[in-house]
Amino acid sequence: MTLLITIFAAVTATVKWYNRKNDDMRLGTLCFLYWGASLMWLVDAIFEFAELKSAYFTPDPQDMLNDAFLGLSVVALGLIIWVVRLLIADPKGSVRAALRKG
């Protein structure tokens, strides 16, 4: 479940990055975060399959729920990291202007 959630997030971010008009939003960073997480979960799935064999394909509902929460947490953490990096970089100068104004 974690692998599927992060792959969907990675594909969505990549499509948005590919269709961008300019790179003000730094979507490349978000793509790298999600594709890195997807690669991590892929390696985890390979090792878990090697350990469990056919039982890998019949997880308990509780395990699936835990994996879904973990996948959503990883996506949320990736978004938080991306937003913080975007606020620090401040490509449009919005944060700087708000700080000077206030």
PDB file of N, CA and C in Angstrom:
ATOM      1  N   MET A   1       0.825  -1.184   0.000  1.00  0.00           N
ATOM      2  CA  MET A   1       0.000   0.000   0.000  1.00  0.00           C
ATOM      3  C   MET A   1       0.876   1.258   0.000  1.00  0.00           C
ATOM      4  N   THR A   2       1.952   1.230   0.764  1.00  0.00           N
ATOM      5  CA  THR A   2       2.847   2.390   0.793  1.00  0.00           C
ATOM      6  C   THR A   2       3.461   2.625  -0.581  1.00  0.00           C
ATOM      7  N   LEU A   3       3.824   1.533  -1.240  1.00  0.00           N
ATOM      8  CA  LEU A   3       4.421   1.649  -2.572  1.00  0.00           C
ATOM      9  C   LEU A   3       3.418   2.252  -3.550  1.00  0.00           C
ATOM     10  N   LEU A   4       2.193   1.791  -3.539  1.00  0.00           N
ATOM     11  CA  LEU A   4       1.182   2.315  -4.456  1.00  0.00           C
ATOM     12  C   LEU A   4       0.899   3.795  -4.209  1.00  0.00           C
ATOM     13  N   ILE A   5       0.768   4.177  -2.961  1.00  0.00           N
ATOM     14  CA  ILE A   5       0.462   5.571  -2.635  1.00  0.00           C
ATOM     15  C   ILE A   5       1.590   6.496  -3.074  1.00  0.00           C
ATOM     16  N   THR A   6       2.832   6.093  -2.801  1.00  0.00           N
ATOM     17  CA  THR A   6       3.950   6.964  -3.179  1.00  0.00           C
ATOM     18  C   THR A   6       4.161   6.976  -4.692  1.00  0.00           C
ATOM     19  N   ILE A   7       3.877   5.866  -5.374  1.00  0.00           N
ATOM     20  CA  ILE A   7       3.993   5.876  -6.834  1.00  0.00           C
ATOM     21  C   ILE A   7       2.931   6.795  -7.446  1.00  0.00           C
ATOM     22  N   PHE A   8       1.706   6.749  -6.932  1.00  0.00           N
ATOM     23  CA  PHE A   8       0.677   7.659  -7.432  1.00  0.00           C
ATOM     24  C   PHE A   8       1.070   9.112  -7.192  1.00  0.00           C
ATOM     25  N   ALA A   9       1.639   9.405  -6.021  1.00  0.00           N
ATOM     26  CA  ALA A   9       2.091  10.768  -5.732  1.00  0.00           C
ATOM     27  C   ALA A   9       3.238  11.160  -6.662  1.00  0.00           C
ATOM     28  N   ALA A  10       4.158  10.240  -6.914  1.00  0.00           N
ATOM     29  CA  ALA A  10       5.296  10.524  -7.784  1.00  0.00           C
ATOM     30  C   ALA A  10       4.847  10.763  -9.218  1.00  0.00           C
ATOM     31  N   VAL A  11       3.934   9.949  -9.701  1.00  0.00           N
ATOM     32  CA  VAL A  11       3.448  10.122 -11.069  1.00  0.00           C
ATOM     33  C   VAL A  11       2.680  11.439 -11.199  1.00  0.00           C
ATOM     34  N   THR A  12       1.853  11.756 -10.210  1.00  0.00           N
ATOM     35  CA  THR A  12       1.111  13.016 -10.236  1.00  0.00           C
ATOM     36  C   THR A  12       2.054  14.215 -10.240  1.00  0.00           C
ATOM     37  N   ALA A  13       3.053  14.193  -9.369  1.00  0.00           N
ATOM     38  CA  ALA A  13       4.015  15.298  -9.309  1.00  0.00           C
ATOM     39  C   ALA A  13       4.814  15.395 -10.602  1.00  0.00           C
ATOM     40  N   THR A  14       5.157  14.257 -11.193  1.00  0.00           N
ATOM     41  CA  THR A  14       5.925  14.263 -12.436  1.00  0.00           C
ATOM     42  C   THR A  14       5.102  14.825 -13.591  1.00  0.00           C
ATOM     43  N   VAL A  15       3.821  14.465 -13.665  1.00  0.00           N
ATOM     44  CA  VAL A  15       2.957  15.006 -14.713  1.00  0.00           C
ATOM     45  C   VAL A  15       2.811  16.513 -14.552  1.00  0.00           C
ATOM     46  N   LYS A  16       2.616  16.966 -13.314  1.00  0.00           N
ATOM     47  CA  LYS A  16       2.529  18.416 -13.074  1.00  0.00           C
ATOM     48  C   LYS A  16       3.845  19.103 -13.442  1.00  0.00           C
ATOM     49  N   TRP A  17       4.978  18.488 -13.117  1.00  0.00           N
ATOM     50  CA  TRP A  17       6.292  19.055 -13.436  1.00  0.00           C
ATOM     51  C   TRP A  17       6.493  19.114 -14.945  1.00  0.00           C
ATOM     52  N   TYR A  18       6.077  18.063 -15.646  1.00  0.00           N
ATOM     53  CA  TYR A  18       6.273  18.000 -17.092  1.00  0.00           C
ATOM     54  C   TYR A  18       5.421  19.032 -17.819  1.00  0.00           C
ATOM     55  N   ASN A  19       4.242  19.339 -17.307  1.00  0.00           N
ATOM     56  CA  ASN A  19       3.334  20.287 -17.948  1.00  0.00           C
ATOM     57  C   ASN A  19       3.476  21.705 -17.415  1.00  0.00           C
ATOM     58  N   ARG A  20       4.573  22.011 -16.761  1.00  0.00           N
ATOM     59  CA  ARG A  20       4.747  23.323 -16.140  1.00  0.00           C
ATOM     60  C   ARG A  20       5.040  24.386 -17.192  1.00  0.00           C
ATOM     61  N   LYS A  21       4.674  25.599 -16.876  1.00  0.00           N
ATOM     62  CA  LYS A  21       4.992  26.742 -17.739  1.00  0.00           C
ATOM     63  C   LYS A  21       6.368  27.302 -17.367  1.00  0.00           C
ATOM     64  N   ASN A  22       6.624  27.380 -16.068  1.00  0.00           N
ATOM     65  CA  ASN A  22       7.932  27.802 -15.568  1.00  0.00           C
ATOM     66  C   ASN A  22       8.215  26.996 -14.303  1.00  0.00           C
ATOM     67  N   ASP A  23       9.389  27.142 -13.754  1.00  0.00           N
ATOM     68  CA  ASP A  23       9.771  26.307 -12.609  1.00  0.00           C
ATOM     69  C   ASP A  23       9.760  27.101 -11.311  1.00  0.00           C
ATOM     70  N   ASP A  24       8.841  28.049 -11.176  1.00  0.00           N
ATOM     71  CA  ASP A  24       8.765  28.832  -9.949  1.00  0.00           C
ATOM     72  C   ASP A  24       8.399  27.977  -8.739  1.00  0.00           C
ATOM     73  N   MET A  25       7.607  26.968  -8.943  1.00  0.00           N
ATOM     74  CA  MET A  25       7.141  26.150  -7.829  1.00  0.00           C
ATOM     75  C   MET A  25       8.125  25.045  -7.442  1.00  0.00           C
ATOM     76  N   ARG A  26       9.199  24.884  -8.177  1.00  0.00           N
ATOM     77  CA  ARG A  26      10.231  23.889  -7.861  1.00  0.00           C
ATOM     78  C   ARG A  26       9.635  22.488  -7.721  1.00  0.00           C
ATOM     79  N   LEU A  27       8.841  22.087  -8.701  1.00  0.00           N
ATOM     80  CA  LEU A  27       8.202  20.774  -8.656  1.00  0.00           C
ATOM     81  C   LEU A  27       9.194  19.634  -8.839  1.00  0.00           C
ATOM     82  N   GLY A  28      10.365  19.929  -9.383  1.00  0.00           N
ATOM     83  CA  GLY A  28      11.393  18.893  -9.519  1.00  0.00           C
ATOM     84  C   GLY A  28      11.797  18.320  -8.168  1.00  0.00           C
ATOM     85  N   THR A  29      11.858  19.167  -7.163  1.00  0.00           N
ATOM     86  CA  THR A  29      12.180  18.702  -5.807  1.00  0.00           C
ATOM     87  C   THR A  29      11.128  17.726  -5.311  1.00  0.00           C
ATOM     88  N   LEU A  30       9.872  18.040  -5.546  1.00  0.00           N
ATOM     89  CA  LEU A  30       8.786  17.160  -5.130  1.00  0.00           C
ATOM     90  C   LEU A  30       8.854  15.829  -5.875  1.00  0.00           C
ATOM     91  N   CYS A  31       9.182  15.881  -7.157  1.00  0.00           N
ATOM     92  CA  CYS A  31       9.332  14.641  -7.927  1.00  0.00           C
ATOM     93  C   CYS A  31      10.435  13.767  -7.352  1.00  0.00           C
ATOM     94  N   PHE A  32      11.575  14.374  -7.056  1.00  0.00           N
ATOM     95  CA  PHE A  32      12.686  13.594  -6.505  1.00  0.00           C
ATOM     96  C   PHE A  32      12.335  12.993  -5.147  1.00  0.00           C
ATOM     97  N   LEU A  33      11.638  13.746  -4.321  1.00  0.00           N
ATOM     98  CA  LEU A  33      11.232  13.225  -3.017  1.00  0.00           C
ATOM     99  C   LEU A  33      10.334  12.005  -3.162  1.00  0.00           C
ATOM    100  N   TYR A  34       9.333  12.116  -4.032  1.00  0.00           N
ATOM    101  CA  TYR A  34       8.380  11.013  -4.186  1.00  0.00           C
ATOM    102  C   TYR A  34       8.977   9.822  -4.924  1.00  0.00           C
ATOM    103  N   TRP A  35       9.795  10.060  -5.940  1.00  0.00           N
ATOM    104  CA  TRP A  35      10.415   8.928  -6.625  1.00  0.00           C
ATOM    105  C   TRP A  35      11.434   8.243  -5.723  1.00  0.00           C
ATOM    106  N   GLY A  36      12.119   8.999  -4.874  1.00  0.00           N
ATOM    107  CA  GLY A  36      13.025   8.383  -3.902  1.00  0.00           C
ATOM    108  C   GLY A  36      12.281   7.520  -2.904  1.00  0.00           C
ATOM    109  N   ALA A  37      11.146   8.015  -2.422  1.00  0.00           N
ATOM    110  CA  ALA A  37      10.329   7.230  -1.495  1.00  0.00           C
ATOM    111  C   ALA A  37       9.784   5.983  -2.185  1.00  0.00           C
ATOM    112  N   SER A  38       9.382   6.123  -3.451  1.00  0.00           N
ATOM    113  CA  SER A  38       8.871   4.971  -4.200  1.00  0.00           C
ATOM    114  C   SER A  38       9.947   3.911  -4.380  1.00  0.00           C
ATOM    115  N   LEU A  39      11.154   4.346  -4.666  1.00  0.00           N
ATOM    116  CA  LEU A  39      12.265   3.400  -4.804  1.00  0.00           C
ATOM    117  C   LEU A  39      12.543   2.695  -3.478  1.00  0.00           C
ATOM    118  N   MET A  40      12.478   3.445  -2.392  1.00  0.00           N
ATOM    119  CA  MET A  40      12.688   2.849  -1.070  1.00  0.00           C
ATOM    120  C   MET A  40      11.634   1.783  -0.783  1.00  0.00           C
ATOM    121  N   TRP A  41      10.349   2.088  -1.074  1.00  0.00           N
ATOM    122  CA  TRP A  41       9.283   1.125  -0.814  1.00  0.00           C
ATOM    123  C   TRP A  41       9.361  -0.056  -1.769  1.00  0.00           C
ATOM    124  N   LEU A  42       9.884   0.144  -2.988  1.00  0.00           N
ATOM    125  CA  LEU A  42      10.055  -0.969  -3.917  1.00  0.00           C
ATOM    126  C   LEU A  42      11.086  -1.960  -3.387  1.00  0.00           C
ATOM    127  N   VAL A  43      12.196  -1.449  -2.898  1.00  0.00           N
ATOM    128  CA  VAL A  43      13.218  -2.322  -2.316  1.00  0.00           C
ATOM    129  C   VAL A  43      12.653  -3.047  -1.094  1.00  0.00           C
ATOM    130  N   ASP A  44      11.891  -2.345  -0.285  1.00  0.00           N
ATOM    131  CA  ASP A  44      11.252  -2.962   0.877  1.00  0.00           C
ATOM    132  C   ASP A  44      10.301  -4.074   0.449  1.00  0.00           C
ATOM    133  N   ALA A  45       9.524  -3.843  -0.613  1.00  0.00           N
ATOM    134  CA  ALA A  45       8.580  -4.855  -1.096  1.00  0.00           C
ATOM    135  C   ALA A  45       9.310  -6.078  -1.638  1.00  0.00           C
ATOM    136  N   ILE A  46      10.425  -5.865  -2.319  1.00  0.00           N
ATOM    137  CA  ILE A  46      11.194  -6.995  -2.845  1.00  0.00           C
ATOM    138  C   ILE A  46      11.716  -7.863  -1.709  1.00  0.00           C
ATOM    139  N   PHE A  47      12.283  -7.232  -0.687  1.00  0.00           N
ATOM    140  CA  PHE A  47      12.807  -8.010   0.435  1.00  0.00           C
ATOM    141  C   PHE A  47      11.686  -8.677   1.235  1.00  0.00           C
ATOM    142  N   GLU A  48      10.559  -7.997   1.370  1.00  0.00           N
ATOM    143  CA  GLU A  48       9.429  -8.594   2.085  1.00  0.00           C
ATOM    144  C   GLU A  48       8.858  -9.768   1.301  1.00  0.00           C
ATOM    145  N   PHE A  49       8.804  -9.661  -0.022  1.00  0.00           N
ATOM    146  CA  PHE A  49       8.333 -10.777  -0.843  1.00  0.00           C
ATOM    147  C   PHE A  49       9.280 -11.960  -0.741  1.00  0.00           C
ATOM    148  N   ALA A  50      10.587 -11.683  -0.731  1.00  0.00           N
ATOM    149  CA  ALA A  50      11.569 -12.764  -0.602  1.00  0.00           C
ATOM    150  C   ALA A  50      11.408 -13.498   0.728  1.00  0.00           C
ATOM    151  N   GLU A  51      10.973 -12.782   1.746  1.00  0.00           N
ATOM    152  CA  GLU A  51      10.800 -13.391   3.063  1.00  0.00           C
ATOM    153  C   GLU A  51       9.465 -14.133   3.186  1.00  0.00           C
ATOM    154  N   LEU A  52       8.383 -13.544   2.689  1.00  0.00           N
ATOM    155  CA  LEU A  52       7.043 -14.101   2.907  1.00  0.00           C
ATOM    156  C   LEU A  52       6.549 -14.998   1.776  1.00  0.00           C
ATOM    157  N   LYS A  53       7.143 -14.921   0.605  1.00  0.00           N
ATOM    158  CA  LYS A  53       6.704 -15.655  -0.595  1.00  0.00           C
ATOM    159  C   LYS A  53       5.243 -15.326  -0.922  1.00  0.00           C
ATOM    160  N   SER A  54       4.385 -16.323  -1.063  1.00  0.00           N
ATOM    161  CA  SER A  54       3.005 -16.079  -1.505  1.00  0.00           C
ATOM    162  C   SER A  54       2.157 -15.387  -0.435  1.00  0.00           C
ATOM    163  N   ALA A  55       2.554 -15.448   0.818  1.00  0.00           N
ATOM    164  CA  ALA A  55       1.802 -14.767   1.884  1.00  0.00           C
ATOM    165  C   ALA A  55       1.880 -13.245   1.738  1.00  0.00           C
ATOM    166  N   TYR A  56       2.825 -12.775   0.932  1.00  0.00           N
ATOM    167  CA  TYR A  56       2.958 -11.336   0.693  1.00  0.00           C
ATOM    168  C   TYR A  56       1.694 -10.770   0.044  1.00  0.00           C
ATOM    169  N   PHE A  57       1.016 -11.582  -0.772  1.00  0.00           N
ATOM    170  CA  PHE A  57      -0.146 -11.108  -1.527  1.00  0.00           C
ATOM    171  C   PHE A  57      -1.454 -11.223  -0.764  1.00  0.00           C
ATOM    172  N   THR A  58      -1.423 -11.701   0.461  1.00  0.00           N
ATOM    173  CA  THR A  58      -2.640 -11.798   1.283  1.00  0.00           C
ATOM    174  C   THR A  58      -2.399 -11.147   2.649  1.00  0.00           C
ATOM    175  N   PRO A  59      -2.223  -9.827   2.663  1.00  0.00           N
ATOM    176  CA  PRO A  59      -1.971  -9.161   3.939  1.00  0.00           C
ATOM    177  C   PRO A  59      -3.246  -9.066   4.781  1.00  0.00           C
ATOM    178  N   ASP A  60      -3.058  -8.925   6.070  1.00  0.00           N
ATOM    179  CA  ASP A  60      -4.188  -8.708   6.971  1.00  0.00           C
ATOM    180  C   ASP A  60      -4.739  -7.297   6.751  1.00  0.00           C
ATOM    181  N   PRO A  61      -6.040  -7.111   6.977  1.00  0.00           N
ATOM    182  CA  PRO A  61      -6.610  -5.755   6.834  1.00  0.00           C
ATOM    183  C   PRO A  61      -5.930  -4.729   7.748  1.00  0.00           C
ATOM    184  N   GLN A  62      -5.555  -5.160   8.946  1.00  0.00           N
ATOM    185  CA  GLN A  62      -4.868  -4.256   9.872  1.00  0.00           C
ATOM    186  C   GLN A  62      -3.529  -3.801   9.298  1.00  0.00           C
ATOM    187  N   ASP A  63      -2.785  -4.726   8.680  1.00  0.00           N
ATOM    188  CA  ASP A  63      -1.508  -4.370   8.062  1.00  0.00           C
ATOM    189  C   ASP A  63      -1.708  -3.423   6.881  1.00  0.00           C
ATOM    190  N   MET A  64      -2.762  -3.654   6.103  1.00  0.00           N
ATOM    191  CA  MET A  64      -3.042  -2.770   4.971  1.00  0.00           C
ATOM    192  C   MET A  64      -3.393  -1.364   5.445  1.00  0.00           C
ATOM    193  N   LEU A  65      -4.151  -1.277   6.520  1.00  0.00           N
ATOM    194  CA  LEU A  65      -4.506   0.028   7.071  1.00  0.00           C
ATOM    195  C   LEU A  65      -3.275   0.756   7.596  1.00  0.00           C
ATOM    196  N   ASN A  66      -2.412   0.029   8.302  1.00  0.00           N
ATOM    197  CA  ASN A  66      -1.172   0.629   8.798  1.00  0.00           C
ATOM    198  C   ASN A  66      -0.290   1.100   7.641  1.00  0.00           C
ATOM    199  N   ASP A  67      -0.204   0.293   6.586  1.00  0.00           N
ATOM    200  CA  ASP A  67       0.590   0.677   5.421  1.00  0.00           C
ATOM    201  C   ASP A  67       0.000   1.900   4.716  1.00  0.00           C
ATOM    202  N   ALA A  68      -1.330   1.971   4.671  1.00  0.00           N
ATOM    203  CA  ALA A  68      -1.971   3.139   4.043  1.00  0.00           C
ATOM    204  C   ALA A  68      -1.671   4.408   4.839  1.00  0.00           C
ATOM    205  N   PHE A  69      -1.761   4.319   6.155  1.00  0.00           N
ATOM    206  CA  PHE A  69      -1.433   5.488   6.983  1.00  0.00           C
ATOM    207  C   PHE A  69       0.033   5.880   6.824  1.00  0.00           C
ATOM    208  N   LEU A  70       0.910   4.901   6.744  1.00  0.00           N
ATOM    209  CA  LEU A  70       2.327   5.187   6.557  1.00  0.00           C
ATOM    210  C   LEU A  70       2.572   5.844   5.199  1.00  0.00           C
ATOM    211  N   GLY A  71       1.912   5.341   4.147  1.00  0.00           N
ATOM    212  CA  GLY A  71       2.063   5.930   2.818  1.00  0.00           C
ATOM    213  C   GLY A  71       1.564   7.360   2.774  1.00  0.00           C
ATOM    214  N   LEU A  72       0.411   7.612   3.390  1.00  0.00           N
ATOM    215  CA  LEU A  72      -0.114   8.978   3.425  1.00  0.00           C
ATOM    216  C   LEU A  72       0.782   9.891   4.260  1.00  0.00           C
ATOM    217  N   SER A  73       1.373   9.349   5.310  1.00  0.00           N
ATOM    218  CA  SER A  73       2.307  10.147   6.125  1.00  0.00           C
ATOM    219  C   SER A  73       3.546  10.520   5.327  1.00  0.00           C
ATOM    220  N   VAL A  74       4.037   9.603   4.519  1.00  0.00           N
ATOM    221  CA  VAL A  74       5.211   9.885   3.690  1.00  0.00           C
ATOM    222  C   VAL A  74       4.880  10.962   2.654  1.00  0.00           C
ATOM    223  N   VAL A  75       3.707  10.870   2.048  1.00  0.00           N
ATOM    224  CA  VAL A  75       3.296  11.886   1.078  1.00  0.00           C
ATOM    225  C   VAL A  75       3.151  13.246   1.764  1.00  0.00           C
ATOM    226  N   ALA A  76       2.561  13.264   2.954  1.00  0.00           N
ATOM    227  CA  ALA A  76       2.405  14.522   3.689  1.00  0.00           C
ATOM    228  C   ALA A  76       3.765  15.100   4.083  1.00  0.00           C
ATOM    229  N   LEU A  77       4.675  14.254   4.534  1.00  0.00           N
ATOM    230  CA  LEU A  77       6.007  14.733   4.899  1.00  0.00           C
ATOM    231  C   LEU A  77       6.740  15.295   3.682  1.00  0.00           C
ATOM    232  N   GLY A  78       6.589  14.642   2.530  1.00  0.00           N
ATOM    233  CA  GLY A  78       7.189  15.155   1.302  1.00  0.00           C
ATOM    234  C   GLY A  78       6.636  16.528   0.947  1.00  0.00           C
ATOM    235  N   LEU A  79       5.322  16.709   1.112  1.00  0.00           N
ATOM    236  CA  LEU A  79       4.716  18.014   0.846  1.00  0.00           C
ATOM    237  C   LEU A  79       5.224  19.073   1.812  1.00  0.00           C
ATOM    238  N   ILE A  80       5.388  18.705   3.079  1.00  0.00           N
ATOM    239  CA  ILE A  80       5.892  19.659   4.072  1.00  0.00           C
ATOM    240  C   ILE A  80       7.315  20.088   3.729  1.00  0.00           C
ATOM    241  N   ILE A  81       8.164  19.121   3.377  1.00  0.00           N
ATOM    242  CA  ILE A  81       9.546  19.439   3.008  1.00  0.00           C
ATOM    243  C   ILE A  81       9.568  20.346   1.787  1.00  0.00           C
ATOM    244  N   TRP A  82       8.715  20.052   0.800  1.00  0.00           N
ATOM    245  CA  TRP A  82       8.659  20.851  -0.420  1.00  0.00           C
ATOM    246  C   TRP A  82       8.196  22.278  -0.124  1.00  0.00           C
ATOM    247  N   VAL A  83       7.171  22.434   0.710  1.00  0.00           N
ATOM    248  CA  VAL A  83       6.659  23.767   1.037  1.00  0.00           C
ATOM    249  C   VAL A  83       7.703  24.569   1.805  1.00  0.00           C
ATOM    250  N   VAL A  84       8.377  23.948   2.762  1.00  0.00           N
ATOM    251  CA  VAL A  84       9.414  24.657   3.523  1.00  0.00           C
ATOM    252  C   VAL A  84      10.529  25.098   2.596  1.00  0.00           C
ATOM    253  N   ARG A  85      10.953  24.220   1.686  1.00  0.00           N
ATOM    254  CA  ARG A  85      12.004  24.587   0.735  1.00  0.00           C
ATOM    255  C   ARG A  85      11.528  25.716  -0.177  1.00  0.00           C
ATOM    256  N   LEU A  86      10.264  25.658  -0.572  1.00  0.00           N
ATOM    257  CA  LEU A  86       9.710  26.707  -1.426  1.00  0.00           C
ATOM    258  C   LEU A  86       9.658  28.039  -0.688  1.00  0.00           C
ATOM    259  N   LEU A  87       9.278  28.014   0.585  1.00  0.00           N
ATOM    260  CA  LEU A  87       9.232  29.255   1.364  1.00  0.00           C
ATOM    261  C   LEU A  87      10.629  29.826   1.599  1.00  0.00           C
ATOM    262  N   ILE A  88      11.609  28.959   1.790  1.00  0.00           N
ATOM    263  CA  ILE A  88      12.981  29.432   1.985  1.00  0.00           C
ATOM    264  C   ILE A  88      13.533  30.021   0.687  1.00  0.00           C
ATOM    265  N   ALA A  89      13.289  29.341  -0.430  1.00  0.00           N
ATOM    266  CA  ALA A  89      13.790  29.842  -1.717  1.00  0.00           C
ATOM    267  C   ALA A  89      13.057  31.108  -2.145  1.00  0.00           C
ATOM    268  N   ASP A  90      11.766  31.178  -1.861  1.00  0.00           N
ATOM    269  CA  ASP A  90      10.929  32.349  -2.147  1.00  0.00           C
ATOM    270  C   ASP A  90      11.151  32.884  -3.560  1.00  0.00           C
ATOM    271  N   PRO A  91      10.810  32.064  -4.595  1.00  0.00           N
ATOM    272  CA  PRO A  91      11.121  32.465  -5.972  1.00  0.00           C
ATOM    273  C   PRO A  91      10.378  33.716  -6.449  1.00  0.00           C
ATOM    274  N   LYS A  92       9.219  33.998  -5.931  1.00  0.00           N
ATOM    275  CA  LYS A  92       8.466  35.179  -6.370  1.00  0.00           C
ATOM    276  C   LYS A  92       8.656  36.369  -5.440  1.00  0.00           C
ATOM    277  N   GLY A  93       9.383  36.188  -4.341  1.00  0.00           N
ATOM    278  CA  GLY A  93       9.619  37.270  -3.399  1.00  0.00           C
ATOM    279  C   GLY A  93       8.437  37.593  -2.514  1.00  0.00           C
ATOM    280  N   SER A  94       7.469  36.722  -2.441  1.00  0.00           N
ATOM    281  CA  SER A  94       6.250  36.976  -1.660  1.00  0.00           C
ATOM    282  C   SER A  94       6.534  37.021  -0.158  1.00  0.00           C
ATOM    283  N   VAL A  95       7.347  36.097   0.317  1.00  0.00           N
ATOM    284  CA  VAL A  95       7.644  36.053   1.755  1.00  0.00           C
ATOM    285  C   VAL A  95       8.445  37.281   2.159  1.00  0.00           C
ATOM    286  N   ARG A  96       9.427  37.637   1.332  1.00  0.00           N
ATOM    287  CA  ARG A  96      10.246  38.821   1.616  1.00  0.00           C
ATOM    288  C   ARG A  96       9.382  40.076   1.659  1.00  0.00           C
ATOM    289  N   ALA A  97       8.478  40.192   0.712  1.00  0.00           N
ATOM    290  CA  ALA A  97       7.610  41.376   0.669  1.00  0.00           C
ATOM    291  C   ALA A  97       6.680  41.419   1.881  1.00  0.00           C
ATOM    292  N   ALA A  98       6.167  40.273   2.296  1.00  0.00           N
ATOM    293  CA  ALA A  98       5.293  40.232   3.469  1.00  0.00           C
ATOM    294  C   ALA A  98       6.059  40.570   4.744  1.00  0.00           C
ATOM    295  N   LEU A  99       7.305  40.120   4.843  1.00  0.00           N
ATOM    296  CA  LEU A  99       8.091  40.429   6.035  1.00  0.00           C
ATOM    297  C   LEU A  99       8.462  41.911   6.093  1.00  0.00           C
ATOM    298  N   ARG A 100       8.756  42.498   4.954  1.00  0.00           N
ATOM    299  CA  ARG A 100       9.092  43.925   4.921  1.00  0.00           C
ATOM    300  C   ARG A 100       7.868  44.788   5.218  1.00  0.00           C
ATOM    301  N   LYS A 101       6.724  44.346   4.736  1.00  0.00           N
ATOM    302  CA  LYS A 101       5.494  45.095   4.909  1.00  0.00           C
ATOM    303  C   LYS A 101       5.028  45.066   6.360  1.00  0.00           C
ATOM    304  N   GLY A 102       5.146  43.891   6.998  1.00  0.00           N
ATOM    305  CA  GLY A 102       4.625  43.721   8.351  1.00  0.00           C
ATOM    306  C   GLY A 102       5.502  44.279   9.369  1.00  0.00           C
TER     307      GLY A 102
END
